[in-house]
Amino acid sequence: MERELPAPVWLYLQQENMDGAGNVEDIFAPDAEVRDEGRTIHGLDAIRAWKLSAKARYRYRVEPLSAEWQGADRLRLRVRVAGDFPGSPVVLEHAIALADGRIASLEIG
């Protein structure tokens, strides 16, 4: 990857490969929003619940493939996701917006 990823993105990737939800408050802004599988999740408690549910359902691991910066605070991150779901592994794109040293929004598609 051309430019080093910011700390909350690296931490997000590390915690995606661990069991549990990890420390979402170290990664996401308090009012963060996540869009995944056709739904929108708001706030740290909801994001923690979403991560726990997804990990229990899919038992997945991620591998970063590439990152493309779109300005100073927006990033497109491509990852390979392998787990217990049809079509595994898949390559997904993560659109990430950063604010104040945390992920303010994450859209997985």
N, C-alpha and C. Protein backbone atom coordinates (compact mmCIF):
# COMPACT_ATOMS: atom_id res chain seq x y z
N MET A 1 0.84 -1.17 0.00
CA MET A 1 0.00 0.00 0.00
C MET A 1 0.89 1.24 0.00
N GLU A 2 0.54 2.18 -0.87
CA GLU A 2 1.39 3.34 -1.09
C GLU A 2 1.64 4.16 0.15
N ARG A 3 0.62 4.51 0.85
CA ARG A 3 0.73 5.38 2.01
C ARG A 3 0.33 4.59 3.24
N GLU A 4 1.01 4.81 4.32
CA GLU A 4 0.71 4.08 5.55
C GLU A 4 -0.74 4.34 5.98
N LEU A 5 -1.38 3.30 6.42
CA LEU A 5 -2.75 3.43 6.90
C LEU A 5 -2.76 4.08 8.28
N PRO A 6 -3.77 4.87 8.58
CA PRO A 6 -3.84 5.49 9.90
C PRO A 6 -4.14 4.45 10.98
N ALA A 7 -3.77 4.78 12.20
CA ALA A 7 -3.90 3.86 13.33
C ALA A 7 -5.28 3.24 13.47
N PRO A 8 -6.39 3.99 13.39
CA PRO A 8 -7.69 3.33 13.58
C PRO A 8 -8.01 2.30 12.50
N VAL A 9 -7.50 2.50 11.29
CA VAL A 9 -7.75 1.53 10.22
C VAL A 9 -6.93 0.27 10.46
N TRP A 10 -5.66 0.41 10.85
CA TRP A 10 -4.86 -0.76 11.18
C TRP A 10 -5.47 -1.53 12.35
N LEU A 11 -5.91 -0.81 13.36
CA LEU A 11 -6.52 -1.46 14.52
C LEU A 11 -7.81 -2.18 14.11
N TYR A 12 -8.61 -1.55 13.26
CA TYR A 12 -9.82 -2.18 12.74
C TYR A 12 -9.47 -3.51 12.05
N LEU A 13 -8.46 -3.49 11.18
CA LEU A 13 -8.07 -4.71 10.47
C LEU A 13 -7.57 -5.78 11.42
N GLN A 14 -6.77 -5.39 12.41
CA GLN A 14 -6.27 -6.36 13.40
C GLN A 14 -7.43 -6.99 14.17
N GLN A 15 -8.36 -6.15 14.62
CA GLN A 15 -9.46 -6.67 15.43
C GLN A 15 -10.46 -7.47 14.60
N GLU A 16 -10.50 -7.26 13.29
CA GLU A 16 -11.35 -8.07 12.44
C GLU A 16 -10.87 -9.52 12.42
N ASN A 17 -9.60 -9.74 12.71
CA ASN A 17 -9.05 -11.09 12.70
C ASN A 17 -8.94 -11.70 14.09
N MET A 18 -9.64 -11.11 15.05
CA MET A 18 -9.71 -11.64 16.40
C MET A 18 -11.15 -12.02 16.72
N ASP A 19 -11.33 -12.83 17.70
CA ASP A 19 -12.67 -13.14 18.16
C ASP A 19 -13.20 -11.96 18.97
N GLY A 20 -14.50 -11.80 19.02
CA GLY A 20 -15.10 -10.71 19.78
C GLY A 20 -15.14 -9.42 18.99
N ALA A 21 -15.61 -8.37 19.64
CA ALA A 21 -15.78 -7.08 18.97
C ALA A 21 -14.56 -6.19 19.13
N GLY A 22 -13.69 -6.49 20.09
CA GLY A 22 -12.54 -5.63 20.32
C GLY A 22 -12.95 -4.32 20.97
N ASN A 23 -12.07 -3.37 20.92
CA ASN A 23 -12.32 -2.06 21.52
C ASN A 23 -12.83 -1.09 20.47
N VAL A 24 -14.11 -1.16 20.16
CA VAL A 24 -14.66 -0.31 19.11
C VAL A 24 -14.47 1.17 19.42
N GLU A 25 -14.40 1.53 20.70
CA GLU A 25 -14.22 2.94 21.06
C GLU A 25 -12.83 3.44 20.70
N ASP A 26 -11.86 2.56 20.47
CA ASP A 26 -10.54 2.97 20.02
C ASP A 26 -10.48 3.15 18.50
N ILE A 27 -11.49 2.65 17.81
CA ILE A 27 -11.51 2.64 16.35
C ILE A 27 -12.51 3.64 15.79
N PHE A 28 -13.72 3.62 16.34
CA PHE A 28 -14.83 4.40 15.79
C PHE A 28 -15.12 5.64 16.63
N ALA A 29 -15.53 6.71 15.95
CA ALA A 29 -16.00 7.91 16.63
C ALA A 29 -17.29 7.57 17.38
N PRO A 30 -17.61 8.30 18.47
CA PRO A 30 -18.81 7.99 19.26
C PRO A 30 -20.10 8.00 18.43
N ASP A 31 -20.16 8.85 17.41
CA ASP A 31 -21.37 8.94 16.58
C ASP A 31 -21.16 8.30 15.20
N ALA A 32 -20.24 7.34 15.12
CA ALA A 32 -19.90 6.69 13.85
C ALA A 32 -21.10 5.96 13.26
N GLU A 33 -21.01 5.77 11.94
CA GLU A 33 -22.05 5.08 11.20
C GLU A 33 -21.39 4.01 10.34
N VAL A 34 -21.99 2.82 10.33
CA VAL A 34 -21.53 1.71 9.49
C VAL A 34 -22.68 1.29 8.61
N ARG A 35 -22.38 1.09 7.30
CA ARG A 35 -23.37 0.56 6.37
C ARG A 35 -22.86 -0.78 5.87
N ASP A 36 -23.66 -1.82 6.11
CA ASP A 36 -23.26 -3.18 5.74
C ASP A 36 -24.50 -4.02 5.52
N GLU A 37 -24.50 -4.83 4.48
CA GLU A 37 -25.59 -5.76 4.17
C GLU A 37 -26.95 -5.07 4.16
N GLY A 38 -27.01 -3.88 3.58
CA GLY A 38 -28.28 -3.19 3.41
C GLY A 38 -28.82 -2.49 4.64
N ARG A 39 -28.05 -2.41 5.70
CA ARG A 39 -28.54 -1.70 6.88
C ARG A 39 -27.51 -0.71 7.38
N THR A 40 -27.97 0.23 8.17
CA THR A 40 -27.11 1.26 8.72
C THR A 40 -27.08 1.12 10.24
N ILE A 41 -25.88 1.14 10.78
CA ILE A 41 -25.67 0.96 12.22
C ILE A 41 -25.08 2.26 12.75
N HIS A 42 -25.65 2.80 13.83
CA HIS A 42 -25.21 4.08 14.40
C HIS A 42 -24.72 3.90 15.82
N GLY A 43 -23.57 4.51 16.14
CA GLY A 43 -23.10 4.57 17.52
C GLY A 43 -22.31 3.35 17.95
N LEU A 44 -21.52 3.53 19.00
CA LEU A 44 -20.59 2.49 19.46
C LEU A 44 -21.28 1.22 19.94
N ASP A 45 -22.34 1.34 20.71
CA ASP A 45 -23.02 0.13 21.21
C ASP A 45 -23.58 -0.70 20.07
N ALA A 46 -24.20 -0.04 19.10
CA ALA A 46 -24.77 -0.74 17.95
C ALA A 46 -23.67 -1.34 17.08
N ILE A 47 -22.55 -0.63 16.93
CA ILE A 47 -21.43 -1.16 16.14
C ILE A 47 -20.84 -2.38 16.83
N ARG A 48 -20.69 -2.34 18.14
CA ARG A 48 -20.19 -3.50 18.89
C ARG A 48 -21.12 -4.70 18.68
N ALA A 49 -22.42 -4.50 18.79
CA ALA A 49 -23.38 -5.58 18.60
C ALA A 49 -23.33 -6.13 17.17
N TRP A 50 -23.20 -5.25 16.19
CA TRP A 50 -23.09 -5.66 14.78
C TRP A 50 -21.85 -6.53 14.58
N LYS A 51 -20.71 -6.10 15.12
CA LYS A 51 -19.47 -6.88 14.95
C LYS A 51 -19.59 -8.25 15.61
N LEU A 52 -20.13 -8.30 16.82
CA LEU A 52 -20.29 -9.58 17.51
C LEU A 52 -21.19 -10.53 16.72
N SER A 53 -22.29 -10.00 16.20
CA SER A 53 -23.22 -10.80 15.43
C SER A 53 -22.58 -11.32 14.15
N ALA A 54 -21.88 -10.45 13.43
CA ALA A 54 -21.24 -10.85 12.17
C ALA A 54 -20.15 -11.90 12.41
N LYS A 55 -19.37 -11.71 13.46
CA LYS A 55 -18.30 -12.67 13.76
C LYS A 55 -18.88 -14.04 14.15
N ALA A 56 -19.95 -14.05 14.92
CA ALA A 56 -20.58 -15.31 15.32
C ALA A 56 -21.20 -16.02 14.11
N ARG A 57 -21.81 -15.25 13.22
CA ARG A 57 -22.51 -15.82 12.08
C ARG A 57 -21.55 -16.31 11.00
N TYR A 58 -20.50 -15.54 10.70
CA TYR A 58 -19.65 -15.84 9.55
C TYR A 58 -18.24 -16.35 9.89
N ARG A 59 -17.80 -16.18 11.13
CA ARG A 59 -16.44 -16.60 11.54
C ARG A 59 -15.42 -16.27 10.46
N TYR A 60 -15.27 -15.01 10.18
CA TYR A 60 -14.45 -14.55 9.06
C TYR A 60 -13.10 -13.99 9.48
N ARG A 61 -12.23 -13.87 8.49
CA ARG A 61 -10.92 -13.22 8.62
C ARG A 61 -10.75 -12.31 7.42
N VAL A 62 -10.00 -11.23 7.59
CA VAL A 62 -9.78 -10.29 6.49
C VAL A 62 -8.29 -10.16 6.19
N GLU A 63 -8.02 -9.85 4.94
CA GLU A 63 -6.65 -9.60 4.48
C GLU A 63 -6.68 -8.33 3.62
N PRO A 64 -5.98 -7.28 4.02
CA PRO A 64 -5.97 -6.06 3.20
C PRO A 64 -5.24 -6.30 1.89
N LEU A 65 -5.81 -5.79 0.80
CA LEU A 65 -5.21 -5.95 -0.52
C LEU A 65 -4.65 -4.65 -1.07
N SER A 66 -5.42 -3.57 -0.93
CA SER A 66 -4.98 -2.28 -1.45
C SER A 66 -5.73 -1.16 -0.76
N ALA A 67 -5.13 0.02 -0.83
CA ALA A 67 -5.75 1.21 -0.25
C ALA A 67 -5.55 2.37 -1.21
N GLU A 68 -6.60 3.15 -1.40
CA GLU A 68 -6.53 4.32 -2.26
C GLU A 68 -7.09 5.52 -1.49
N TRP A 69 -6.26 6.51 -1.28
CA TRP A 69 -6.69 7.72 -0.58
C TRP A 69 -7.49 8.60 -1.51
N GLN A 70 -8.54 9.17 -0.98
CA GLN A 70 -9.39 10.12 -1.71
C GLN A 70 -9.46 11.38 -0.87
N GLY A 71 -8.40 12.17 -0.94
CA GLY A 71 -8.28 13.34 -0.09
C GLY A 71 -7.58 12.96 1.20
N ALA A 72 -7.59 13.88 2.15
CA ALA A 72 -6.84 13.69 3.40
C ALA A 72 -7.54 12.76 4.38
N ASP A 73 -8.86 12.62 4.27
CA ASP A 73 -9.58 11.88 5.31
C ASP A 73 -10.53 10.80 4.78
N ARG A 74 -10.39 10.45 3.51
CA ARG A 74 -11.23 9.39 2.94
C ARG A 74 -10.35 8.34 2.27
N LEU A 75 -10.76 7.10 2.44
CA LEU A 75 -9.94 5.98 2.00
C LEU A 75 -10.84 4.89 1.44
N ARG A 76 -10.42 4.30 0.32
CA ARG A 76 -11.06 3.09 -0.21
C ARG A 76 -10.09 1.95 0.05
N LEU A 77 -10.55 0.99 0.79
CA LEU A 77 -9.72 -0.14 1.20
C LEU A 77 -10.33 -1.42 0.63
N ARG A 78 -9.55 -2.17 -0.12
CA ARG A 78 -10.00 -3.47 -0.65
C ARG A 78 -9.44 -4.56 0.25
N VAL A 79 -10.32 -5.49 0.65
CA VAL A 79 -9.91 -6.59 1.51
C VAL A 79 -10.47 -7.91 0.99
N ARG A 80 -9.75 -8.97 1.23
CA ARG A 80 -10.25 -10.32 0.95
C ARG A 80 -10.83 -10.83 2.26
N VAL A 81 -12.07 -11.29 2.19
CA VAL A 81 -12.76 -11.80 3.38
C VAL A 81 -13.04 -13.28 3.16
N ALA A 82 -12.58 -14.10 4.10
CA ALA A 82 -12.81 -15.53 4.04
C ALA A 82 -13.51 -15.96 5.33
N GLY A 83 -14.54 -16.78 5.19
CA GLY A 83 -15.27 -17.23 6.37
C GLY A 83 -16.31 -18.26 6.02
N ASP A 84 -17.25 -18.44 6.93
CA ASP A 84 -18.32 -19.42 6.76
C ASP A 84 -19.53 -18.76 6.11
N PHE A 85 -19.44 -18.49 4.82
CA PHE A 85 -20.54 -17.92 4.06
C PHE A 85 -20.40 -18.34 2.60
N PRO A 86 -21.51 -18.40 1.87
CA PRO A 86 -21.46 -18.81 0.46
C PRO A 86 -20.55 -17.89 -0.35
N GLY A 87 -19.74 -18.48 -1.22
CA GLY A 87 -18.88 -17.70 -2.10
C GLY A 87 -17.55 -17.31 -1.49
N SER A 88 -17.28 -17.73 -0.27
CA SER A 88 -16.03 -17.38 0.41
C SER A 88 -14.86 -17.99 -0.33
N PRO A 89 -13.77 -17.25 -0.49
CA PRO A 89 -13.56 -15.87 -0.08
C PRO A 89 -14.09 -14.88 -1.12
N VAL A 90 -14.31 -13.65 -0.66
CA VAL A 90 -14.75 -12.57 -1.53
C VAL A 90 -13.84 -11.36 -1.32
N VAL A 91 -13.83 -10.49 -2.31
CA VAL A 91 -13.11 -9.22 -2.18
C VAL A 91 -14.16 -8.14 -1.99
N LEU A 92 -14.02 -7.38 -0.91
CA LEU A 92 -14.96 -6.31 -0.59
C LEU A 92 -14.23 -4.98 -0.55
N GLU A 93 -14.96 -3.94 -0.86
CA GLU A 93 -14.41 -2.60 -0.78
C GLU A 93 -15.00 -1.90 0.44
N HIS A 94 -14.13 -1.27 1.20
CA HIS A 94 -14.53 -0.51 2.38
C HIS A 94 -14.30 0.97 2.09
N ALA A 95 -15.34 1.76 2.15
CA ALA A 95 -15.21 3.21 2.03
C ALA A 95 -15.17 3.76 3.45
N ILE A 96 -14.06 4.40 3.79
CA ILE A 96 -13.82 4.84 5.17
C ILE A 96 -13.64 6.35 5.19
N ALA A 97 -14.32 7.01 6.10
CA ALA A 97 -14.11 8.44 6.36
C ALA A 97 -13.59 8.57 7.78
N LEU A 98 -12.55 9.37 7.94
CA LEU A 98 -11.92 9.57 9.24
C LEU A 98 -12.24 10.96 9.77
N ALA A 99 -12.31 11.06 11.09
CA ALA A 99 -12.48 12.36 11.76
C ALA A 99 -11.91 12.26 13.16
N ASP A 100 -11.09 13.21 13.53
CA ASP A 100 -10.53 13.28 14.88
C ASP A 100 -9.86 11.99 15.32
N GLY A 101 -9.11 11.36 14.41
CA GLY A 101 -8.35 10.17 14.77
C GLY A 101 -9.16 8.89 14.91
N ARG A 102 -10.39 8.88 14.42
CA ARG A 102 -11.24 7.70 14.50
C ARG A 102 -11.97 7.51 13.16
N ILE A 103 -12.56 6.35 12.98
CA ILE A 103 -13.41 6.11 11.80
C ILE A 103 -14.77 6.74 12.07
N ALA A 104 -15.15 7.69 11.23
CA ALA A 104 -16.45 8.35 11.37
C ALA A 104 -17.53 7.61 10.60
N SER A 105 -17.14 7.02 9.45
CA SER A 105 -18.10 6.20 8.72
C SER A 105 -17.36 5.10 7.97
N LEU A 106 -18.05 3.99 7.84
CA LEU A 106 -17.53 2.81 7.15
C LEU A 106 -18.67 2.23 6.33
N GLU A 107 -18.42 2.10 5.04
CA GLU A 107 -19.41 1.45 4.17
C GLU A 107 -18.74 0.25 3.53
N ILE A 108 -19.33 -0.92 3.75
CA ILE A 108 -18.78 -2.17 3.24
C ILE A 108 -19.62 -2.62 2.05
N GLY A 109 -18.95 -2.83 0.92
CA GLY A 109 -19.69 -3.22 -0.26
C GLY A 109 -18.88 -4.09 -1.17
